[in-house]
Protein backbone atom coordinates (compact mmCIF):
# COMPACT_ATOMS: atom_id res chain seq x y z
CA MET A 1 45.22 102.24 29.96
CA ARG A 2 42.51 103.10 27.45
CA LEU A 3 41.17 100.03 25.84
CA TRP A 4 39.12 102.86 23.55
CA ARG A 5 39.16 106.06 22.24
CA THR A 6 36.28 108.25 22.13
CA VAL A 7 34.43 109.08 18.95
CA PRO A 8 33.24 112.53 18.80
CA THR A 9 29.37 112.81 17.31
CA MET A 10 27.50 115.51 19.20
CA THR A 11 28.86 118.56 20.14
CA GLY A 12 25.77 118.88 23.11
CA MET A 13 23.23 121.06 21.39
CA ALA A 14 20.18 119.65 19.46
CA ARG A 15 20.00 121.13 15.20
CA ASP A 16 17.37 122.85 16.16
CA HIS A 17 14.68 123.26 18.77
CA GLU A 18 12.30 120.60 17.10
CA ARG A 19 15.31 117.89 17.30
CA PRO A 20 16.28 117.20 20.83
CA ASP A 21 19.98 115.59 21.96
CA LEU A 22 18.80 112.63 23.59
CA GLY A 23 22.23 111.84 25.22
CA PHE A 24 23.20 109.15 22.95
CA THR A 25 27.00 108.64 21.63
CA TYR A 26 29.36 105.84 20.56
CA GLN A 27 32.70 104.60 21.45
CA VAL A 28 36.18 102.33 19.17
CA ARG A 29 37.13 99.75 20.90
CA LYS A 30 41.19 98.78 19.79
CA ASN A 31 39.26 95.64 18.77
CA GLY A 32 36.86 97.27 16.82
CA ASP A 33 33.64 96.49 18.54
CA VAL A 34 31.67 99.98 19.31
CA GLU A 35 29.44 100.36 22.76
CA ILE A 36 26.88 102.62 22.54
CA LEU A 37 26.29 104.77 25.37
CA ARG A 38 23.55 106.58 26.68
CA HIS A 39 24.50 110.03 29.18
CA GLY A 40 27.66 108.39 29.54
CA HIS A 41 26.40 104.27 30.67
CA GLN A 42 26.91 101.31 28.21
CA ILE A 43 23.50 100.59 26.49
CA VAL A 44 25.26 98.03 24.34
CA CYS A 45 28.27 96.62 22.79
CA LEU A 46 28.42 95.42 18.82
CA ARG A 47 30.68 93.62 17.50
CA GLY A 48 31.75 92.93 13.90
CA SER A 49 29.62 93.37 10.95
CA GLU A 50 27.16 95.35 12.95
CA ALA A 51 30.18 97.66 14.22
CA THR A 52 31.18 97.88 11.02
CA ASP A 53 28.14 98.88 9.95
CA LEU A 54 27.33 101.10 12.39
CA LEU A 55 30.58 103.36 11.79
CA ALA A 56 29.99 103.41 8.11
CA ARG A 57 26.39 104.63 8.72
CA ALA A 58 27.47 106.86 11.20
CA GLU A 59 30.15 108.69 8.83
CA ARG A 60 27.05 109.39 6.93
CA ALA A 61 24.37 111.23 9.03
CA SER A 62 23.77 113.45 10.61
CA GLU A 63 23.74 114.60 13.93
CA PHE A 64 20.40 113.58 14.69
CA ASP A 65 19.99 110.92 12.40
CA LEU A 66 22.84 109.65 14.81
CA GLN A 67 21.04 110.31 17.25
CA GLN A 68 18.02 107.88 15.99
CA LEU A 69 19.70 105.34 14.15
CA LEU A 70 21.93 105.24 17.69
CA ALA A 71 18.31 104.67 20.01
CA ARG A 72 17.00 102.45 17.41
CA LEU A 73 20.07 99.70 18.21
CA THR A 74 19.12 99.91 21.70
CA GLY A 75 15.62 99.59 21.07
CA ASN A 76 15.29 102.57 23.02
CA TYR A 77 13.28 104.59 20.83
CA LYS A 78 9.87 106.17 21.23
CA ARG A 79 7.49 105.18 19.26
CA GLY A 80 5.09 108.35 19.09
CA ASN A 81 1.85 106.50 21.20
CA GLU A 82 3.01 107.10 24.52
CA ARG A 83 0.96 110.18 24.90
CA LEU A 84 -2.08 108.04 23.59
CA ALA A 85 -1.64 105.16 25.66
CA GLY A 86 -2.30 107.03 29.41
CA ARG A 87 -5.87 107.51 27.74
CA ARG A 88 -7.01 104.31 27.87
CA PRO A 89 -9.12 102.66 30.13
CA ARG A 90 -6.61 99.33 30.56
CA ASN A 91 -3.94 102.23 31.94
CA GLY A 92 -5.92 103.62 34.33
CA ASP A 93 -6.06 107.68 34.87
């Protein structure tokens, strides 16, 4: 017996070429908890007010904005400085 239902969030296609799919989805459990998954693996489980806030924001969000929101909630969010960090002397070649 499945204890959760999958909420469709992405079509699997990127919204456009500049905004790729980051691989995040979410599932709502029967008890109201929300699991955030990336490429099918559970990353975090939200409960209570955090779960209801996410569901409310997810209803209003576009596909790209939903991916960004889920990334931020999991802490798996690129900050834009990864390329520059490799050029710093302390990070080596």
